[in-house]
PDB file of N, CA and C in Angstrom:
ATOM      1  N   MET A   1      -1.972 -27.255 -23.147  1.00  0.00           N
ATOM      2  CA  MET A   1      -2.406 -26.691 -21.883  1.00  0.00           C
ATOM      3  C   MET A   1      -3.149 -27.773 -21.089  1.00  0.00           C
ATOM      4  N   LYS A   2      -2.704 -28.013 -19.862  1.00  0.00           N
ATOM      5  CA  LYS A   2      -3.335 -29.031 -19.016  1.00  0.00           C
ATOM      6  C   LYS A   2      -4.659 -28.516 -18.462  1.00  0.00           C
ATOM      7  N   LYS A   3      -5.680 -29.388 -18.526  1.00  0.00           N
ATOM      8  CA  LYS A   3      -7.004 -29.052 -18.014  1.00  0.00           C
ATOM      9  C   LYS A   3      -7.105 -29.506 -16.562  1.00  0.00           C
ATOM     10  N   VAL A   4      -7.598 -28.602 -15.687  1.00  0.00           N
ATOM     11  CA  VAL A   4      -7.638 -28.873 -14.252  1.00  0.00           C
ATOM     12  C   VAL A   4      -9.057 -28.748 -13.710  1.00  0.00           C
ATOM     13  N   LEU A   5      -9.414 -29.706 -12.849  1.00  0.00           N
ATOM     14  CA  LEU A   5     -10.651 -29.657 -12.078  1.00  0.00           C
ATOM     15  C   LEU A   5     -10.250 -29.370 -10.640  1.00  0.00           C
ATOM     16  N   ILE A   6     -10.808 -28.316 -10.059  1.00  0.00           N
ATOM     17  CA  ILE A   6     -10.479 -27.915  -8.690  1.00  0.00           C
ATOM     18  C   ILE A   6     -11.611 -28.354  -7.763  1.00  0.00           C
ATOM     19  N   VAL A   7     -11.258 -29.146  -6.735  1.00  0.00           N
ATOM     20  CA  VAL A   7     -12.260 -29.660  -5.807  1.00  0.00           C
ATOM     21  C   VAL A   7     -11.928 -29.217  -4.384  1.00  0.00           C
ATOM     22  N   ASP A   8     -12.805 -28.403  -3.810  1.00  0.00           N
ATOM     23  CA  ASP A   8     -12.638 -27.928  -2.431  1.00  0.00           C
ATOM     24  C   ASP A   8     -13.982 -27.389  -1.977  1.00  0.00           C
ATOM     25  N   ASP A   9     -14.347 -27.654  -0.725  1.00  0.00           N
ATOM     26  CA  ASP A   9     -15.638 -27.169  -0.246  1.00  0.00           C
ATOM     27  C   ASP A   9     -15.628 -25.667   0.035  1.00  0.00           C
ATOM     28  N   ALA A  10     -14.445 -25.065   0.168  1.00  0.00           N
ATOM     29  CA  ALA A  10     -14.344 -23.632   0.438  1.00  0.00           C
ATOM     30  C   ALA A  10     -14.190 -22.864  -0.882  1.00  0.00           C
ATOM     31  N   ALA A  11     -15.165 -22.002  -1.174  1.00  0.00           N
ATOM     32  CA  ALA A  11     -15.139 -21.234  -2.423  1.00  0.00           C
ATOM     33  C   ALA A  11     -13.883 -20.374  -2.519  1.00  0.00           C
ATOM     34  N   PHE A  12     -13.445 -19.788  -1.393  1.00  0.00           N
ATOM     35  CA  PHE A  12     -12.253 -18.934  -1.430  1.00  0.00           C
ATOM     36  C   PHE A  12     -11.008 -19.750  -1.796  1.00  0.00           C
ATOM     37  N   MET A  13     -10.953 -21.013  -1.385  1.00  0.00           N
ATOM     38  CA  MET A  13      -9.803 -21.854  -1.716  1.00  0.00           C
ATOM     39  C   MET A  13      -9.826 -22.228  -3.198  1.00  0.00           C
ATOM     40  N   ARG A  14     -11.006 -22.524  -3.729  1.00  0.00           N
ATOM     41  CA  ARG A  14     -11.101 -22.802  -5.168  1.00  0.00           C
ATOM     42  C   ARG A  14     -10.646 -21.582  -5.966  1.00  0.00           C
ATOM     43  N   MET A  15     -11.090 -20.400  -5.550  1.00  0.00           N
ATOM     44  CA  MET A  15     -10.710 -19.163  -6.237  1.00  0.00           C
ATOM     45  C   MET A  15      -9.200 -18.926  -6.129  1.00  0.00           C
ATOM     46  N   SER A  16      -8.655 -19.181  -4.973  1.00  0.00           N
ATOM     47  CA  SER A  16      -7.219 -18.988  -4.750  1.00  0.00           C
ATOM     48  C   SER A  16      -6.395 -19.913  -5.656  1.00  0.00           C
ATOM     49  N   ILE A  17      -6.773 -21.184  -5.694  1.00  0.00           N
ATOM     50  CA  ILE A  17      -6.066 -22.154  -6.546  1.00  0.00           C
ATOM     51  C   ILE A  17      -6.214 -21.750  -8.010  1.00  0.00           C
ATOM     52  N   LYS A  18      -7.430 -21.361  -8.396  1.00  0.00           N
ATOM     53  CA  LYS A  18      -7.690 -20.949  -9.780  1.00  0.00           C
ATOM     54  C   LYS A  18      -6.781 -19.771 -10.162  1.00  0.00           C
ATOM     55  N   ASN A  19      -6.702 -18.773  -9.296  1.00  0.00           N
ATOM     56  CA  ASN A  19      -5.869 -17.604  -9.571  1.00  0.00           C
ATOM     57  C   ASN A  19      -4.395 -17.975  -9.677  1.00  0.00           C
ATOM     58  N   MET A  20      -3.939 -18.879  -8.815  1.00  0.00           N
ATOM     59  CA  MET A  20      -2.529 -19.279  -8.821  1.00  0.00           C
ATOM     60  C   MET A  20      -2.141 -20.021 -10.093  1.00  0.00           C
ATOM     61  N   ILE A  21      -2.984 -20.959 -10.508  1.00  0.00           N
ATOM     62  CA  ILE A  21      -2.554 -21.831 -11.602  1.00  0.00           C
ATOM     63  C   ILE A  21      -2.907 -21.314 -12.992  1.00  0.00           C
ATOM     64  N   SER A  22      -3.953 -20.488 -13.112  1.00  0.00           N
ATOM     65  CA  SER A  22      -4.366 -20.035 -14.446  1.00  0.00           C
ATOM     66  C   SER A  22      -3.293 -19.179 -15.113  1.00  0.00           C
ATOM     67  N   LYS A  23      -2.518 -18.464 -14.340  1.00  0.00           N
ATOM     68  CA  LYS A  23      -1.465 -17.624 -14.933  1.00  0.00           C
ATOM     69  C   LYS A  23      -0.202 -18.413 -15.271  1.00  0.00           C
ATOM     70  N   HIS A  24      -0.217 -19.716 -15.000  1.00  0.00           N
ATOM     71  CA  HIS A  24       0.933 -20.576 -15.302  1.00  0.00           C
ATOM     72  C   HIS A  24       0.623 -21.586 -16.405  1.00  0.00           C
ATOM     73  N   GLY A  25      -0.368 -21.282 -17.220  1.00  0.00           N
ATOM     74  CA  GLY A  25      -0.637 -22.131 -18.374  1.00  0.00           C
ATOM     75  C   GLY A  25      -1.557 -23.315 -18.128  1.00  0.00           C
ATOM     76  N   PHE A  26      -2.258 -23.321 -17.004  1.00  0.00           N
ATOM     77  CA  PHE A  26      -3.229 -24.386 -16.738  1.00  0.00           C
ATOM     78  C   PHE A  26      -4.620 -23.835 -17.053  1.00  0.00           C
ATOM     79  N   GLU A  27      -5.458 -24.669 -17.655  1.00  0.00           N
ATOM     80  CA  GLU A  27      -6.828 -24.275 -17.973  1.00  0.00           C
ATOM     81  C   GLU A  27      -7.770 -24.880 -16.940  1.00  0.00           C
ATOM     82  N   ILE A  28      -8.523 -24.036 -16.252  1.00  0.00           N
ATOM     83  CA  ILE A  28      -9.480 -24.528 -15.260  1.00  0.00           C
ATOM     84  C   ILE A  28     -10.763 -24.881 -16.023  1.00  0.00           C
ATOM     85  N   VAL A  29     -11.081 -26.184 -16.050  1.00  0.00           N
ATOM     86  CA  VAL A  29     -12.261 -26.622 -16.799  1.00  0.00           C
ATOM     87  C   VAL A  29     -13.482 -26.790 -15.905  1.00  0.00           C
ATOM     88  N   GLY A  30     -13.257 -26.810 -14.578  1.00  0.00           N
ATOM     89  CA  GLY A  30     -14.397 -26.957 -13.691  1.00  0.00           C
ATOM     90  C   GLY A  30     -14.002 -26.873 -12.237  1.00  0.00           C
ATOM     91  N   GLU A  31     -15.043 -26.759 -11.398  1.00  0.00           N
ATOM     92  CA  GLU A  31     -14.875 -26.710  -9.952  1.00  0.00           C
ATOM     93  C   GLU A  31     -15.950 -27.593  -9.322  1.00  0.00           C
ATOM     94  N   ALA A  32     -15.620 -28.134  -8.148  1.00  0.00           N
ATOM     95  CA  ALA A  32     -16.598 -28.931  -7.408  1.00  0.00           C
ATOM     96  C   ALA A  32     -16.444 -28.642  -5.925  1.00  0.00           C
ATOM     97  N   GLU A  33     -17.570 -28.646  -5.195  1.00  0.00           N
ATOM     98  CA  GLU A  33     -17.546 -28.313  -3.777  1.00  0.00           C
ATOM     99  C   GLU A  33     -17.572 -29.545  -2.867  1.00  0.00           C
ATOM    100  N   ASN A  34     -17.682 -30.738  -3.462  1.00  0.00           N
ATOM    101  CA  ASN A  34     -17.615 -31.963  -2.665  1.00  0.00           C
ATOM    102  C   ASN A  34     -17.282 -33.137  -3.586  1.00  0.00           C
ATOM    103  N   GLY A  35     -17.068 -34.289  -2.994  1.00  0.00           N
ATOM    104  CA  GLY A  35     -16.664 -35.457  -3.758  1.00  0.00           C
ATOM    105  C   GLY A  35     -17.707 -35.960  -4.736  1.00  0.00           C
ATOM    106  N   VAL A  36     -18.978 -35.838  -4.378  1.00  0.00           N
ATOM    107  CA  VAL A  36     -20.053 -36.308  -5.258  1.00  0.00           C
ATOM    108  C   VAL A  36     -20.033 -35.510  -6.564  1.00  0.00           C
ATOM    109  N   VAL A  37     -19.959 -34.190  -6.438  1.00  0.00           N
ATOM    110  CA  VAL A  37     -19.917 -33.318  -7.611  1.00  0.00           C
ATOM    111  C   VAL A  37     -18.608 -33.540  -8.382  1.00  0.00           C
ATOM    112  N   ALA A  38     -17.530 -33.774  -7.654  1.00  0.00           N
ATOM    113  CA  ALA A  38     -16.220 -33.994  -8.288  1.00  0.00           C
ATOM    114  C   ALA A  38     -16.253 -35.190  -9.243  1.00  0.00           C
ATOM    115  N   ILE A  39     -16.884 -36.274  -8.822  1.00  0.00           N
ATOM    116  CA  ILE A  39     -16.954 -37.475  -9.661  1.00  0.00           C
ATOM    117  C   ILE A  39     -17.768 -37.190 -10.924  1.00  0.00           C
ATOM    118  N   GLU A  40     -18.915 -36.508 -10.765  1.00  0.00           N
ATOM    119  CA  GLU A  40     -19.749 -36.152 -11.918  1.00  0.00           C
ATOM    120  C   GLU A  40     -18.958 -35.287 -12.900  1.00  0.00           C
ATOM    121  N   LYS A  41     -18.282 -34.258 -12.354  1.00  0.00           N
ATOM    122  CA  LYS A  41     -17.534 -33.327 -13.213  1.00  0.00           C
ATOM    123  C   LYS A  41     -16.339 -34.035 -13.861  1.00  0.00           C
ATOM    124  N   TYR A  42     -15.718 -34.964 -13.130  1.00  0.00           N
ATOM    125  CA  TYR A  42     -14.575 -35.684 -13.712  1.00  0.00           C
ATOM    126  C   TYR A  42     -15.028 -36.465 -14.951  1.00  0.00           C
ATOM    127  N   LYS A  43     -16.142 -37.168 -14.812  1.00  0.00           N
ATOM    128  CA  LYS A  43     -16.668 -37.950 -15.940  1.00  0.00           C
ATOM    129  C   LYS A  43     -17.044 -37.044 -17.109  1.00  0.00           C
ATOM    130  N   GLU A  44     -17.655 -35.912 -16.801  1.00  0.00           N
ATOM    131  CA  GLU A  44     -18.140 -34.990 -17.825  1.00  0.00           C
ATOM    132  C   GLU A  44     -16.989 -34.243 -18.523  1.00  0.00           C
ATOM    133  N   LEU A  45     -16.036 -33.746 -17.739  1.00  0.00           N
ATOM    134  CA  LEU A  45     -15.007 -32.840 -18.265  1.00  0.00           C
ATOM    135  C   LEU A  45     -13.697 -33.522 -18.658  1.00  0.00           C
ATOM    136  N   GLN A  46     -13.440 -34.696 -18.095  1.00  0.00           N
ATOM    137  CA  GLN A  46     -12.213 -35.446 -18.348  1.00  0.00           C
ATOM    138  C   GLN A  46     -10.956 -34.575 -18.242  1.00  0.00           C
ATOM    139  N   PRO A  47     -10.727 -33.980 -17.061  1.00  0.00           N
ATOM    140  CA  PRO A  47      -9.554 -33.124 -16.883  1.00  0.00           C
ATOM    141  C   PRO A  47      -8.255 -33.936 -16.865  1.00  0.00           C
ATOM    142  N   ASP A  48      -7.138 -33.253 -17.121  1.00  0.00           N
ATOM    143  CA  ASP A  48      -5.830 -33.900 -17.049  1.00  0.00           C
ATOM    144  C   ASP A  48      -5.371 -34.041 -15.600  1.00  0.00           C
ATOM    145  N   ILE A  49      -5.782 -33.074 -14.760  1.00  0.00           N
ATOM    146  CA  ILE A  49      -5.352 -33.022 -13.362  1.00  0.00           C
ATOM    147  C   ILE A  49      -6.547 -32.646 -12.491  1.00  0.00           C
ATOM    148  N   VAL A  50      -6.592 -33.229 -11.284  1.00  0.00           N
ATOM    149  CA  VAL A  50      -7.596 -32.855 -10.289  1.00  0.00           C
ATOM    150  C   VAL A  50      -6.858 -32.428  -9.024  1.00  0.00           C
ATOM    151  N   THR A  51      -7.208 -31.236  -8.488  1.00  0.00           N
ATOM    152  CA  THR A  51      -6.723 -30.875  -7.161  1.00  0.00           C
ATOM    153  C   THR A  51      -7.874 -31.200  -6.215  1.00  0.00           C
ATOM    154  N   MET A  52      -7.603 -31.981  -5.169  1.00  0.00           N
ATOM    155  CA  MET A  52      -8.667 -32.536  -4.334  1.00  0.00           C
ATOM    156  C   MET A  52      -8.413 -32.275  -2.855  1.00  0.00           C
ATOM    157  N   ASP A  53      -9.327 -31.520  -2.246  1.00  0.00           N
ATOM    158  CA  ASP A  53      -9.291 -31.334  -0.794  1.00  0.00           C
ATOM    159  C   ASP A  53      -9.681 -32.668  -0.157  1.00  0.00           C
ATOM    160  N   ILE A  54      -9.177 -32.942   1.037  1.00  0.00           N
ATOM    161  CA  ILE A  54      -9.538 -34.202   1.698  1.00  0.00           C
ATOM    162  C   ILE A  54     -10.832 -34.053   2.493  1.00  0.00           C
ATOM    163  N   THR A  55     -10.935 -33.013   3.307  1.00  0.00           N
ATOM    164  CA  THR A  55     -12.073 -32.875   4.208  1.00  0.00           C
ATOM    165  C   THR A  55     -13.172 -32.035   3.554  1.00  0.00           C
ATOM    166  N   MET A  56     -14.265 -32.716   3.185  1.00  0.00           N
ATOM    167  CA  MET A  56     -15.406 -32.045   2.550  1.00  0.00           C
ATOM    168  C   MET A  56     -16.697 -32.725   2.998  1.00  0.00           C
ATOM    169  N   PRO A  57     -17.823 -31.996   2.922  1.00  0.00           N
ATOM    170  CA  PRO A  57     -19.120 -32.612   3.249  1.00  0.00           C
ATOM    171  C   PRO A  57     -19.583 -33.558   2.145  1.00  0.00           C
ATOM    172  N   GLU A  58     -20.573 -34.368   2.465  1.00  0.00           N
ATOM    173  CA  GLU A  58     -21.217 -35.343   1.562  1.00  0.00           C
ATOM    174  C   GLU A  58     -20.316 -36.506   1.190  1.00  0.00           C
ATOM    175  N   MET A  59     -19.162 -36.219   0.581  1.00  0.00           N
ATOM    176  CA  MET A  59     -18.192 -37.269   0.258  1.00  0.00           C
ATOM    177  C   MET A  59     -16.814 -36.631   0.348  1.00  0.00           C
ATOM    178  N   ASP A  60     -15.951 -37.223   1.186  1.00  0.00           N
ATOM    179  CA  ASP A  60     -14.627 -36.621   1.340  1.00  0.00           C
ATOM    180  C   ASP A  60     -13.720 -36.922   0.150  1.00  0.00           C
ATOM    181  N   GLY A  61     -12.566 -36.284   0.141  1.00  0.00           N
ATOM    182  CA  GLY A  61     -11.649 -36.406  -0.982  1.00  0.00           C
ATOM    183  C   GLY A  61     -11.079 -37.793  -1.178  1.00  0.00           C
ATOM    184  N   LEU A  62     -10.904 -38.543  -0.089  1.00  0.00           N
ATOM    185  CA  LEU A  62     -10.359 -39.900  -0.221  1.00  0.00           C
ATOM    186  C   LEU A  62     -11.341 -40.813  -0.941  1.00  0.00           C
ATOM    187  N   GLU A  63     -12.594 -40.713  -0.574  1.00  0.00           N
ATOM    188  CA  GLU A  63     -13.617 -41.539  -1.224  1.00  0.00           C
ATOM    189  C   GLU A  63     -13.771 -41.120  -2.695  1.00  0.00           C
ATOM    190  N   ALA A  64     -13.746 -39.809  -2.950  1.00  0.00           N
ATOM    191  CA  ALA A  64     -13.843 -39.316  -4.329  1.00  0.00           C
ATOM    192  C   ALA A  64     -12.641 -39.781  -5.146  1.00  0.00           C
ATOM    193  N   LEU A  65     -11.457 -39.769  -4.537  1.00  0.00           N
ATOM    194  CA  LEU A  65     -10.245 -40.252  -5.209  1.00  0.00           C
ATOM    195  C   LEU A  65     -10.422 -41.712  -5.631  1.00  0.00           C
ATOM    196  N   ARG A  66     -10.901 -42.544  -4.716  1.00  0.00           N
ATOM    197  CA  ARG A  66     -11.117 -43.965  -5.034  1.00  0.00           C
ATOM    198  C   ARG A  66     -12.089 -44.130  -6.200  1.00  0.00           C
ATOM    199  N   GLU A  67     -13.165 -43.342  -6.196  1.00  0.00           N
ATOM    200  CA  GLU A  67     -14.175 -43.449  -7.257  1.00  0.00           C
ATOM    201  C   GLU A  67     -13.618 -42.962  -8.606  1.00  0.00           C
ATOM    202  N   ILE A  68     -12.861 -41.875  -8.582  1.00  0.00           N
ATOM    203  CA  ILE A  68     -12.266 -41.360  -9.819  1.00  0.00           C
ATOM    204  C   ILE A  68     -11.276 -42.372 -10.386  1.00  0.00           C
ATOM    205  N   LYS A  69     -10.534 -43.045  -9.513  1.00  0.00           N
ATOM    206  CA  LYS A  69      -9.572 -44.062  -9.964  1.00  0.00           C
ATOM    207  C   LYS A  69     -10.288 -45.258 -10.589  1.00  0.00           C
ATOM    208  N   LYS A  70     -11.529 -45.528 -10.165  1.00  0.00           N
ATOM    209  CA  LYS A  70     -12.321 -46.592 -10.792  1.00  0.00           C
ATOM    210  C   LYS A  70     -12.712 -46.180 -12.213  1.00  0.00           C
ATOM    211  N   VAL A  71     -13.025 -44.896 -12.391  1.00  0.00           N
ATOM    212  CA  VAL A  71     -13.396 -44.371 -13.706  1.00  0.00           C
ATOM    213  C   VAL A  71     -12.173 -44.354 -14.623  1.00  0.00           C
ATOM    214  N   ASN A  72     -11.039 -43.903 -14.087  1.00  0.00           N
ATOM    215  CA  ASN A  72      -9.803 -43.807 -14.860  1.00  0.00           C
ATOM    216  C   ASN A  72      -8.618 -44.110 -13.952  1.00  0.00           C
ATOM    217  N   PRO A  73      -8.094 -45.337 -14.012  1.00  0.00           N
ATOM    218  CA  PRO A  73      -6.969 -45.712 -13.143  1.00  0.00           C
ATOM    219  C   PRO A  73      -5.733 -44.821 -13.320  1.00  0.00           C
ATOM    220  N   ALA A  74      -5.624 -44.127 -14.446  1.00  0.00           N
ATOM    221  CA  ALA A  74      -4.470 -43.257 -14.691  1.00  0.00           C
ATOM    222  C   ALA A  74      -4.721 -41.803 -14.267  1.00  0.00           C
ATOM    223  N   ALA A  75      -5.847 -41.526 -13.640  1.00  0.00           N
ATOM    224  CA  ALA A  75      -6.187 -40.150 -13.256  1.00  0.00           C
ATOM    225  C   ALA A  75      -5.085 -39.528 -12.404  1.00  0.00           C
ATOM    226  N   ALA A  76      -4.763 -38.268 -12.707  1.00  0.00           N
ATOM    227  CA  ALA A  76      -3.741 -37.524 -11.956  1.00  0.00           C
ATOM    228  C   ALA A  76      -4.440 -36.642 -10.929  1.00  0.00           C
ATOM    229  N   VAL A  77      -4.427 -37.101  -9.676  1.00  0.00           N
ATOM    230  CA  VAL A  77      -5.091 -36.375  -8.595  1.00  0.00           C
ATOM    231  C   VAL A  77      -4.041 -35.959  -7.570  1.00  0.00           C
ATOM    232  N   VAL A  78      -4.038 -34.657  -7.250  1.00  0.00           N
ATOM    233  CA  VAL A  78      -3.151 -34.124  -6.226  1.00  0.00           C
ATOM    234  C   VAL A  78      -4.027 -33.739  -5.038  1.00  0.00           C
ATOM    235  N   MET A  79      -3.745 -34.318  -3.890  1.00  0.00           N
ATOM    236  CA  MET A  79      -4.525 -34.044  -2.692  1.00  0.00           C
ATOM    237  C   MET A  79      -3.998 -32.778  -2.018  1.00  0.00           C
ATOM    238  N   ILE A  80      -4.926 -31.991  -1.493  1.00  0.00           N
ATOM    239  CA  ILE A  80      -4.579 -30.769  -0.775  1.00  0.00           C
ATOM    240  C   ILE A  80      -5.284 -30.834   0.567  1.00  0.00           C
ATOM    241  N   SER A  81      -4.496 -30.699   1.655  1.00  0.00           N
ATOM    242  CA  SER A  81      -5.122 -30.805   2.964  1.00  0.00           C
ATOM    243  C   SER A  81      -4.376 -30.004   4.010  1.00  0.00           C
ATOM    244  N   ALA A  82      -5.025 -29.829   5.140  1.00  0.00           N
ATOM    245  CA  ALA A  82      -4.470 -29.042   6.234  1.00  0.00           C
ATOM    246  C   ALA A  82      -3.422 -29.835   7.011  1.00  0.00           C
ATOM    247  N   LEU A  83      -2.606 -29.108   7.741  1.00  0.00           N
ATOM    248  CA  LEU A  83      -1.636 -29.738   8.626  1.00  0.00           C
ATOM    249  C   LEU A  83      -2.352 -30.677   9.581  1.00  0.00           C
ATOM    250  N   GLY A  84      -1.678 -31.736  10.015  1.00  0.00           N
ATOM    251  CA  GLY A  84      -2.271 -32.671  10.954  1.00  0.00           C
ATOM    252  C   GLY A  84      -3.040 -33.787  10.277  1.00  0.00           C
ATOM    253  N   GLN A  85      -2.998 -33.847   8.961  1.00  0.00           N
ATOM    254  CA  GLN A  85      -3.724 -34.886   8.222  1.00  0.00           C
ATOM    255  C   GLN A  85      -2.764 -35.887   7.588  1.00  0.00           C
ATOM    256  N   GLU A  86      -1.573 -36.036   8.169  1.00  0.00           N
ATOM    257  CA  GLU A  86      -0.546 -36.893   7.564  1.00  0.00           C
ATOM    258  C   GLU A  86      -1.022 -38.321   7.323  1.00  0.00           C
ATOM    259  N   ALA A  87      -1.752 -38.883   8.269  1.00  0.00           N
ATOM    260  CA  ALA A  87      -2.241 -40.261   8.126  1.00  0.00           C
ATOM    261  C   ALA A  87      -3.172 -40.371   6.920  1.00  0.00           C
ATOM    262  N   ARG A  88      -4.008 -39.368   6.742  1.00  0.00           N
ATOM    263  CA  ARG A  88      -4.939 -39.386   5.604  1.00  0.00           C
ATOM    264  C   ARG A  88      -4.190 -39.183   4.297  1.00  0.00           C
ATOM    265  N   MET A  89      -3.097 -38.424   4.343  1.00  0.00           N
ATOM    266  CA  MET A  89      -2.289 -38.226   3.140  1.00  0.00           C
ATOM    267  C   MET A  89      -1.655 -39.553   2.703  1.00  0.00           C
ATOM    268  N   LYS A  90      -1.164 -40.325   3.669  1.00  0.00           N
ATOM    269  CA  LYS A  90      -0.584 -41.634   3.351  1.00  0.00           C
ATOM    270  C   LYS A  90      -1.642 -42.523   2.708  1.00  0.00           C
ATOM    271  N   GLU A  91      -2.849 -42.464   3.243  1.00  0.00           N
ATOM    272  CA  GLU A  91      -3.972 -43.224   2.697  1.00  0.00           C
ATOM    273  C   GLU A  91      -4.230 -42.798   1.242  1.00  0.00           C
ATOM    274  N   ALA A  92      -4.161 -41.494   0.981  1.00  0.00           N
ATOM    275  CA  ALA A  92      -4.388 -40.969  -0.367  1.00  0.00           C
ATOM    276  C   ALA A  92      -3.357 -41.516  -1.356  1.00  0.00           C
ATOM    277  N   ILE A  93      -2.106 -41.600  -0.934  1.00  0.00           N
ATOM    278  CA  ILE A  93      -1.051 -42.134  -1.797  1.00  0.00           C
ATOM    279  C   ILE A  93      -1.323 -43.610  -2.096  1.00  0.00           C
ATOM    280  N   ILE A  94      -1.754 -44.351  -1.081  1.00  0.00           N
ATOM    281  CA  ILE A  94      -2.087 -45.765  -1.272  1.00  0.00           C
ATOM    282  C   ILE A  94      -3.220 -45.905  -2.293  1.00  0.00           C
ATOM    283  N   TYR A  95      -4.204 -44.985  -2.248  1.00  0.00           N
ATOM    284  CA  TYR A  95      -5.338 -45.037  -3.179  1.00  0.00           C
ATOM    285  C   TYR A  95      -4.978 -44.527  -4.569  1.00  0.00           C
ATOM    286  N   GLY A  96      -3.768 -44.000  -4.732  1.00  0.00           N
ATOM    287  CA  GLY A  96      -3.343 -43.615  -6.071  1.00  0.00           C
ATOM    288  C   GLY A  96      -3.165 -42.133  -6.344  1.00  0.00           C
ATOM    289  N   ALA A  97      -3.192 -41.297  -5.303  1.00  0.00           N
ATOM    290  CA  ALA A  97      -2.927 -39.864  -5.526  1.00  0.00           C
ATOM    291  C   ALA A  97      -1.512 -39.700  -6.061  1.00  0.00           C
ATOM    292  N   LYS A  98      -1.335 -38.752  -6.973  1.00  0.00           N
ATOM    293  CA  LYS A  98      -0.027 -38.524  -7.595  1.00  0.00           C
ATOM    294  C   LYS A  98       0.842 -37.578  -6.767  1.00  0.00           C
ATOM    295  N   GLY A  99       0.272 -37.016  -5.700  1.00  0.00           N
ATOM    296  CA  GLY A  99       1.028 -36.112  -4.851  1.00  0.00           C
ATOM    297  C   GLY A  99       0.115 -35.471  -3.833  1.00  0.00           C
ATOM    298  N   PHE A 100       0.727 -34.701  -2.925  1.00  0.00           N
ATOM    299  CA  PHE A 100      -0.093 -33.980  -1.969  1.00  0.00           C
ATOM    300  C   PHE A 100       0.584 -32.688  -1.560  1.00  0.00           C
ATOM    301  N   ILE A 101      -0.232 -31.741  -1.195  1.00  0.00           N
ATOM    302  CA  ILE A 101       0.209 -30.413  -0.790  1.00  0.00           C
ATOM    303  C   ILE A 101      -0.480 -30.108   0.527  1.00  0.00           C
ATOM    304  N   VAL A 102       0.286 -29.550   1.471  1.00  0.00           N
ATOM    305  CA  VAL A 102      -0.263 -29.223   2.783  1.00  0.00           C
ATOM    306  C   VAL A 102      -0.599 -27.731   2.842  1.00  0.00           C
ATOM    307  N   LYS A 103      -1.829 -27.421   3.285  1.00  0.00           N
ATOM    308  CA  LYS A 103      -2.249 -26.029   3.484  1.00  0.00           C
ATOM    309  C   LYS A 103      -1.621 -25.507   4.773  1.00  0.00           C
ATOM    310  N   PRO A 104      -1.265 -24.265   4.861  1.00  0.00           N
ATOM    311  CA  PRO A 104      -1.221 -23.291   3.776  1.00  0.00           C
ATOM    312  C   PRO A 104      -0.007 -23.555   2.887  1.00  0.00           C
ATOM    313  N   PHE A 105      -0.125 -23.266   1.609  1.00  0.00           N
ATOM    314  CA  PHE A 105       0.971 -23.528   0.683  1.00  0.00           C
ATOM    315  C   PHE A 105       1.266 -22.278  -0.141  1.00  0.00           C
ATOM    316  N   LYS A 106       2.461 -22.237  -0.666  1.00  0.00           N
ATOM    317  CA  LYS A 106       2.864 -21.138  -1.528  1.00  0.00           C
ATOM    318  C   LYS A 106       2.560 -21.508  -2.986  1.00  0.00           C
ATOM    319  N   GLU A 107       2.352 -20.503  -3.796  1.00  0.00           N
ATOM    320  CA  GLU A 107       2.038 -20.697  -5.210  1.00  0.00           C
ATOM    321  C   GLU A 107       3.079 -21.586  -5.889  1.00  0.00           C
ATOM    322  N   GLU A 108       4.357 -21.358  -5.585  1.00  0.00           N
ATOM    323  CA  GLU A 108       5.427 -22.133  -6.222  1.00  0.00           C
ATOM    324  C   GLU A 108       5.284 -23.628  -5.936  1.00  0.00           C
ATOM    325  N   MET A 109       4.870 -23.967  -4.706  1.00  0.00           N
ATOM    326  CA  MET A 109       4.695 -25.381  -4.342  1.00  0.00           C
ATOM    327  C   MET A 109       3.594 -26.020  -5.194  1.00  0.00           C
ATOM    328  N   LEU A 110       2.508 -25.304  -5.363  1.00  0.00           N
ATOM    329  CA  LEU A 110       1.386 -25.817  -6.143  1.00  0.00           C
ATOM    330  C   LEU A 110       1.779 -25.998  -7.608  1.00  0.00           C
ATOM    331  N   ILE A 111       2.393 -24.979  -8.178  1.00  0.00           N
ATOM    332  CA  ILE A 111       2.794 -25.036  -9.587  1.00  0.00           C
ATOM    333  C   ILE A 111       3.797 -26.166  -9.813  1.00  0.00           C
ATOM    334  N   SER A 112       4.739 -26.303  -8.887  1.00  0.00           N
ATOM    335  CA  SER A 112       5.748 -27.362  -8.997  1.00  0.00           C
ATOM    336  C   SER A 112       5.085 -28.742  -8.996  1.00  0.00           C
ATOM    337  N   ALA A 113       4.152 -28.961  -8.069  1.00  0.00           N
ATOM    338  CA  ALA A 113       3.471 -30.261  -7.967  1.00  0.00           C
ATOM    339  C   ALA A 113       2.666 -30.557  -9.234  1.00  0.00           C
ATOM    340  N   LEU A 114       1.951 -29.567  -9.750  1.00  0.00           N
ATOM    341  CA  LEU A 114       1.109 -29.779 -10.926  1.00  0.00           C
ATOM    342  C   LEU A 114       1.949 -29.920 -12.199  1.00  0.00           C
ATOM    343  N   SER A 115       3.060 -29.215 -12.252  1.00  0.00           N
ATOM    344  CA  SER A 115       3.923 -29.282 -13.451  1.00  0.00           C
ATOM    345  C   SER A 115       4.583 -30.628 -13.624  1.00  0.00           C
ATOM    346  N   LYS A 116       4.720 -31.379 -12.536  1.00  0.00           N
ATOM    347  CA  LYS A 116       5.354 -32.712 -12.600  1.00  0.00           C
ATOM    348  C   LYS A 116       4.413 -33.749 -13.216  1.00  0.00           C
ATOM    349  N   LEU A 117       3.147 -33.429 -13.325  1.00  0.00           N
ATOM    350  CA  LEU A 117       2.168 -34.406 -13.821  1.00  0.00           C
ATOM    351  C   LEU A 117       2.038 -34.363 -15.336  1.00  0.00           C
TER     352      LEU A 117
END
């Protein structure tokens, strides 16, 4: 069972992702509301996969992605962001994201992206 850390500043989005993936054999090991907390939780929990929102307070997802990649260059991070963030998504791929999903998304899209990791 793959362990997942869910990172999003919106509690309803974390809950939504948790509900979607937990019934498909993924274990949610933690949640974070910003990039600073995400890095701490990544080090502590060592998840197999991280779902990472791009736009968050304190530290955005791109900066958190870079820091997580310093901790573990093989980290599997999937970026999740709203429409209109294509340039930032390209930046995320350059920094080492394993994929990206555009909000709003369907459950099948999320499961498909995470199952490939």
